[in-house]
């Protein structure tokens, strides 16, 4: 039997950020430049710190495009992007249903 940690498998906490105003805008611009240059993890750190939902959602999209659905879910949850969270949770549910009942999983 596998012991499931009470906090779950995905860490979904966001640090308390005290970054506001012009500092936040400058950090977001830096994060966007890093993201566009392909430095996704560095951009992610800035987006989490500044709680920049659009950036977090784009990082989630990147993870999803690179077959990392759990990491994508984490980004969508923090963003928040409830429509994207719901879509992924539905896909996860179909996978679990297929494991239990032997049904085919939908591709999309």
N, C-alpha and C. Protein backbone atom coordinates (compact mmCIF):
# COMPACT_ATOMS: atom_id res chain seq x y z
N UNK A 1 0.84 -1.18 0.00
CA UNK A 1 0.00 0.00 0.00
C UNK A 1 0.88 1.24 0.00
N UNK A 2 0.54 2.22 -0.83
CA UNK A 2 1.30 3.45 -0.94
C UNK A 2 0.75 4.48 0.04
N UNK A 3 1.65 5.09 0.81
CA UNK A 3 1.23 6.16 1.72
C UNK A 3 1.19 7.47 0.95
N UNK A 4 0.03 8.09 0.90
CA UNK A 4 -0.13 9.37 0.22
C UNK A 4 0.08 10.47 1.24
N UNK A 5 1.00 11.38 0.96
CA UNK A 5 1.21 12.49 1.90
C UNK A 5 -0.07 13.30 2.06
N UNK A 6 -0.34 13.77 3.28
CA UNK A 6 -1.60 14.49 3.51
C UNK A 6 -1.68 15.78 2.71
N UNK A 7 -0.53 16.36 2.33
CA UNK A 7 -0.56 17.56 1.49
C UNK A 7 -0.67 17.22 0.01
N UNK A 8 -0.70 15.93 -0.32
CA UNK A 8 -0.85 15.49 -1.70
C UNK A 8 0.51 15.36 -2.38
N UNK A 9 0.46 15.14 -3.67
CA UNK A 9 1.69 14.94 -4.43
C UNK A 9 2.19 16.22 -5.09
N UNK A 10 1.34 17.20 -5.23
CA UNK A 10 1.71 18.43 -5.92
C UNK A 10 1.71 19.58 -4.93
N UNK A 11 2.83 20.25 -4.82
CA UNK A 11 2.92 21.42 -3.96
C UNK A 11 2.22 22.57 -4.66
N UNK A 12 1.20 23.13 -4.02
CA UNK A 12 0.40 24.17 -4.66
C UNK A 12 0.43 25.49 -3.90
N UNK A 13 1.41 25.68 -3.05
CA UNK A 13 1.48 26.92 -2.30
C UNK A 13 2.20 27.99 -3.10
N UNK A 14 1.86 29.22 -2.80
CA UNK A 14 2.48 30.37 -3.45
C UNK A 14 3.13 31.21 -2.36
N UNK A 15 4.40 31.60 -2.55
CA UNK A 15 5.03 32.42 -1.52
C UNK A 15 4.32 33.76 -1.37
N UNK A 16 4.38 34.30 -0.15
CA UNK A 16 3.81 35.63 0.08
C UNK A 16 4.73 36.66 -0.55
N UNK A 17 4.26 37.27 -1.60
CA UNK A 17 5.08 38.25 -2.33
C UNK A 17 4.73 39.65 -1.87
N UNK A 18 5.78 40.44 -1.61
CA UNK A 18 5.58 41.82 -1.21
C UNK A 18 5.97 42.76 -2.36
N UNK A 19 6.03 42.22 -3.57
CA UNK A 19 6.43 43.00 -4.74
C UNK A 19 5.19 43.67 -5.32
N UNK A 20 5.22 44.98 -5.42
CA UNK A 20 4.08 45.71 -5.97
C UNK A 20 4.57 46.82 -6.89
N UNK A 21 3.63 47.39 -7.61
CA UNK A 21 3.88 48.59 -8.41
C UNK A 21 4.91 48.42 -9.50
N UNK A 22 5.79 49.40 -9.58
CA UNK A 22 6.76 49.43 -10.68
C UNK A 22 7.76 48.29 -10.60
N UNK A 23 8.11 47.85 -9.39
CA UNK A 23 9.02 46.71 -9.25
C UNK A 23 8.40 45.45 -9.83
N UNK A 24 7.11 45.27 -9.57
CA UNK A 24 6.39 44.10 -10.10
C UNK A 24 6.36 44.15 -11.62
N UNK A 25 6.07 45.32 -12.19
CA UNK A 25 6.01 45.47 -13.64
C UNK A 25 7.37 45.19 -14.27
N UNK A 26 8.44 45.66 -13.64
CA UNK A 26 9.78 45.42 -14.16
C UNK A 26 10.12 43.93 -14.10
N UNK A 27 9.76 43.28 -13.01
CA UNK A 27 10.01 41.84 -12.89
C UNK A 27 9.23 41.05 -13.93
N UNK A 28 7.99 41.44 -14.16
CA UNK A 28 7.17 40.74 -15.16
C UNK A 28 7.78 40.90 -16.55
N UNK A 29 8.24 42.10 -16.87
CA UNK A 29 8.91 42.31 -18.16
C UNK A 29 10.14 41.42 -18.28
N UNK A 30 10.91 41.32 -17.20
CA UNK A 30 12.10 40.44 -17.18
C UNK A 30 11.67 38.98 -17.36
N UNK A 31 10.61 38.58 -16.67
CA UNK A 31 10.10 37.22 -16.81
C UNK A 31 9.66 36.92 -18.22
N UNK A 32 8.98 37.88 -18.85
CA UNK A 32 8.53 37.70 -20.23
C UNK A 32 9.73 37.57 -21.18
N UNK A 33 10.76 38.37 -20.95
CA UNK A 33 11.96 38.27 -21.79
C UNK A 33 12.63 36.91 -21.62
N UNK A 34 12.71 36.44 -20.38
CA UNK A 34 13.29 35.12 -20.12
C UNK A 34 12.46 34.02 -20.77
N UNK A 35 11.15 34.11 -20.63
CA UNK A 35 10.26 33.11 -21.22
C UNK A 35 10.45 33.07 -22.74
N UNK A 36 10.45 34.23 -23.36
CA UNK A 36 10.61 34.31 -24.82
C UNK A 36 11.98 33.81 -25.28
N UNK A 37 12.98 33.91 -24.40
CA UNK A 37 14.32 33.42 -24.73
C UNK A 37 14.47 31.93 -24.45
N UNK A 38 13.42 31.33 -23.89
CA UNK A 38 13.47 29.89 -23.61
C UNK A 38 13.90 29.53 -22.21
N UNK A 39 14.11 30.51 -21.35
CA UNK A 39 14.49 30.25 -19.96
C UNK A 39 13.22 30.11 -19.12
N UNK A 40 12.51 29.03 -19.35
CA UNK A 40 11.19 28.84 -18.76
C UNK A 40 11.24 28.78 -17.24
N UNK A 41 12.20 28.04 -16.68
CA UNK A 41 12.25 27.89 -15.22
C UNK A 41 12.56 29.21 -14.52
N UNK A 42 13.43 30.02 -15.10
CA UNK A 42 13.72 31.32 -14.51
C UNK A 42 12.49 32.23 -14.60
N UNK A 43 11.82 32.20 -15.74
CA UNK A 43 10.61 32.99 -15.90
C UNK A 43 9.55 32.54 -14.90
N UNK A 44 9.43 31.24 -14.72
CA UNK A 44 8.46 30.69 -13.77
C UNK A 44 8.69 31.23 -12.37
N UNK A 45 9.93 31.30 -11.95
CA UNK A 45 10.23 31.81 -10.60
C UNK A 45 9.76 33.25 -10.45
N UNK A 46 9.96 34.04 -11.48
CA UNK A 46 9.51 35.45 -11.43
C UNK A 46 7.98 35.50 -11.42
N UNK A 47 7.35 34.70 -12.27
CA UNK A 47 5.89 34.71 -12.34
C UNK A 47 5.26 34.27 -11.02
N UNK A 48 5.86 33.27 -10.37
CA UNK A 48 5.33 32.82 -9.08
C UNK A 48 5.52 33.92 -8.04
N UNK A 49 6.68 34.54 -8.02
CA UNK A 49 6.96 35.60 -7.05
C UNK A 49 6.01 36.78 -7.22
N UNK A 50 5.74 37.14 -8.48
CA UNK A 50 4.89 38.30 -8.74
C UNK A 50 3.41 37.94 -8.85
N UNK A 51 3.14 36.63 -8.80
CA UNK A 51 1.77 36.12 -8.96
C UNK A 51 1.15 36.59 -10.27
N UNK A 52 1.91 36.49 -11.33
CA UNK A 52 1.48 36.92 -12.66
C UNK A 52 0.76 35.76 -13.34
N UNK A 53 -0.56 35.83 -13.31
CA UNK A 53 -1.41 34.74 -13.79
C UNK A 53 -1.21 34.38 -15.25
N UNK A 54 -1.10 35.38 -16.13
CA UNK A 54 -0.93 35.10 -17.55
C UNK A 54 0.38 34.37 -17.80
N UNK A 55 1.43 34.79 -17.13
CA UNK A 55 2.72 34.13 -17.28
C UNK A 55 2.69 32.71 -16.76
N UNK A 56 2.05 32.51 -15.60
CA UNK A 56 1.92 31.17 -15.04
C UNK A 56 1.13 30.26 -15.97
N UNK A 57 0.11 30.80 -16.58
CA UNK A 57 -0.69 30.03 -17.53
C UNK A 57 0.13 29.64 -18.76
N UNK A 58 0.97 30.57 -19.22
CA UNK A 58 1.83 30.26 -20.37
C UNK A 58 2.87 29.20 -20.02
N UNK A 59 3.40 29.26 -18.79
CA UNK A 59 4.33 28.21 -18.35
C UNK A 59 3.59 26.87 -18.29
N UNK A 60 2.35 26.88 -17.80
CA UNK A 60 1.55 25.67 -17.79
C UNK A 60 1.33 25.13 -19.19
N UNK A 61 1.05 26.00 -20.13
CA UNK A 61 0.88 25.57 -21.53
C UNK A 61 2.17 24.93 -22.05
N UNK A 62 3.30 25.53 -21.69
CA UNK A 62 4.60 24.98 -22.11
C UNK A 62 4.79 23.57 -21.54
N UNK A 63 4.48 23.41 -20.25
CA UNK A 63 4.61 22.09 -19.63
C UNK A 63 3.68 21.08 -20.31
N UNK A 64 2.47 21.50 -20.58
CA UNK A 64 1.51 20.60 -21.21
C UNK A 64 1.99 20.19 -22.60
N UNK A 65 2.53 21.14 -23.35
CA UNK A 65 3.06 20.85 -24.69
C UNK A 65 4.27 19.90 -24.63
N UNK A 66 4.92 19.85 -23.47
CA UNK A 66 6.11 19.01 -23.31
C UNK A 66 5.83 17.80 -22.42
N UNK A 67 4.57 17.34 -22.45
CA UNK A 67 4.16 16.11 -21.74
C UNK A 67 4.46 16.13 -20.25
N UNK A 68 4.17 17.25 -19.60
CA UNK A 68 4.32 17.38 -18.15
C UNK A 68 3.00 17.87 -17.58
N UNK A 69 1.94 17.04 -17.64
CA UNK A 69 0.62 17.51 -17.23
C UNK A 69 0.49 17.86 -15.75
N UNK A 70 1.21 17.19 -14.86
CA UNK A 70 1.10 17.52 -13.44
C UNK A 70 1.72 18.89 -13.15
N UNK A 71 2.84 19.18 -13.81
CA UNK A 71 3.46 20.50 -13.65
C UNK A 71 2.55 21.58 -14.25
N UNK A 72 1.91 21.26 -15.37
CA UNK A 72 0.97 22.20 -15.98
C UNK A 72 -0.19 22.48 -15.03
N UNK A 73 -0.73 21.42 -14.42
CA UNK A 73 -1.83 21.59 -13.47
C UNK A 73 -1.42 22.52 -12.32
N UNK A 74 -0.21 22.34 -11.82
CA UNK A 74 0.27 23.19 -10.74
C UNK A 74 0.27 24.66 -11.16
N UNK A 75 0.77 24.95 -12.35
CA UNK A 75 0.83 26.33 -12.84
C UNK A 75 -0.57 26.90 -13.04
N UNK A 76 -1.47 26.10 -13.63
CA UNK A 76 -2.84 26.55 -13.86
C UNK A 76 -3.55 26.82 -12.53
N UNK A 77 -3.27 25.99 -11.54
CA UNK A 77 -3.92 26.15 -10.24
C UNK A 77 -3.47 27.45 -9.57
N UNK A 78 -2.17 27.72 -9.64
CA UNK A 78 -1.63 28.93 -9.02
C UNK A 78 -2.07 30.18 -9.77
N UNK A 79 -2.25 30.08 -11.10
CA UNK A 79 -2.48 31.25 -11.96
C UNK A 79 -3.62 32.17 -11.50
N UNK A 80 -4.77 31.89 -11.15
CA UNK A 80 -5.58 30.69 -11.40
C UNK A 80 -6.18 30.71 -12.82
N UNK A 81 -6.28 29.51 -13.37
CA UNK A 81 -6.91 29.32 -14.69
C UNK A 81 -7.89 28.15 -14.56
N UNK A 82 -9.07 28.41 -13.98
CA UNK A 82 -10.00 27.32 -13.65
C UNK A 82 -10.46 26.51 -14.87
N UNK A 83 -10.58 27.14 -16.03
CA UNK A 83 -10.99 26.38 -17.21
C UNK A 83 -9.93 25.36 -17.61
N UNK A 84 -8.67 25.74 -17.51
CA UNK A 84 -7.59 24.82 -17.85
C UNK A 84 -7.43 23.73 -16.78
N UNK A 85 -7.63 24.10 -15.52
CA UNK A 85 -7.59 23.11 -14.44
C UNK A 85 -8.68 22.07 -14.67
N UNK A 86 -9.89 22.53 -14.96
CA UNK A 86 -11.02 21.63 -15.16
C UNK A 86 -10.76 20.66 -16.32
N UNK A 87 -10.21 21.17 -17.40
CA UNK A 87 -9.94 20.32 -18.56
C UNK A 87 -8.93 19.22 -18.21
N UNK A 88 -7.85 19.59 -17.51
CA UNK A 88 -6.85 18.60 -17.13
C UNK A 88 -7.41 17.58 -16.14
N UNK A 89 -8.18 18.05 -15.18
CA UNK A 89 -8.76 17.13 -14.19
C UNK A 89 -9.68 16.13 -14.88
N UNK A 90 -10.45 16.59 -15.86
CA UNK A 90 -11.31 15.68 -16.62
C UNK A 90 -10.47 14.64 -17.36
N UNK A 91 -9.36 15.06 -17.95
CA UNK A 91 -8.49 14.12 -18.65
C UNK A 91 -7.90 13.11 -17.67
N UNK A 92 -7.48 13.58 -16.49
CA UNK A 92 -6.95 12.67 -15.48
C UNK A 92 -8.02 11.67 -15.04
N UNK A 93 -9.24 12.15 -14.89
CA UNK A 93 -10.35 11.28 -14.48
C UNK A 93 -10.59 10.19 -15.52
N UNK A 94 -10.51 10.54 -16.80
CA UNK A 94 -10.69 9.55 -17.86
C UNK A 94 -9.60 8.49 -17.80
N UNK A 95 -8.38 8.92 -17.50
CA UNK A 95 -7.27 7.96 -17.40
C UNK A 95 -7.54 6.99 -16.25
N UNK A 96 -7.93 7.52 -15.10
CA UNK A 96 -8.20 6.67 -13.94
C UNK A 96 -9.37 5.73 -14.24
N UNK A 97 -10.41 6.24 -14.89
CA UNK A 97 -11.53 5.38 -15.26
C UNK A 97 -11.08 4.25 -16.18
N UNK A 98 -10.17 4.55 -17.10
CA UNK A 98 -9.70 3.51 -18.01
C UNK A 98 -8.89 2.46 -17.26
N UNK A 99 -8.14 2.89 -16.24
CA UNK A 99 -7.38 1.93 -15.44
C UNK A 99 -8.33 1.01 -14.68
N UNK A 100 -9.39 1.59 -14.17
CA UNK A 100 -10.34 0.81 -13.37
C UNK A 100 -11.21 -0.08 -14.23
N UNK A 101 -11.73 0.50 -15.32
CA UNK A 101 -12.68 -0.26 -16.13
C UNK A 101 -12.15 -0.78 -17.43
N UNK A 102 -10.91 -0.48 -17.76
CA UNK A 102 -10.35 -0.97 -19.01
C UNK A 102 -10.86 -0.27 -20.24
N UNK A 103 -11.43 0.93 -20.08
CA UNK A 103 -11.95 1.68 -21.22
C UNK A 103 -10.82 2.40 -21.93
N UNK A 104 -11.08 2.75 -23.18
CA UNK A 104 -10.13 3.55 -23.94
C UNK A 104 -10.12 4.99 -23.40
N UNK A 105 -8.93 5.60 -23.36
CA UNK A 105 -8.84 7.00 -22.93
C UNK A 105 -8.96 7.90 -24.15
N UNK A 106 -9.72 8.99 -24.02
CA UNK A 106 -9.83 9.93 -25.15
C UNK A 106 -8.48 10.61 -25.37
N UNK A 107 -8.18 10.89 -26.63
CA UNK A 107 -6.90 11.53 -26.98
C UNK A 107 -6.93 13.02 -26.71
N UNK A 108 -8.09 13.65 -26.69
CA UNK A 108 -8.16 15.10 -26.48
C UNK A 108 -9.36 15.49 -25.71
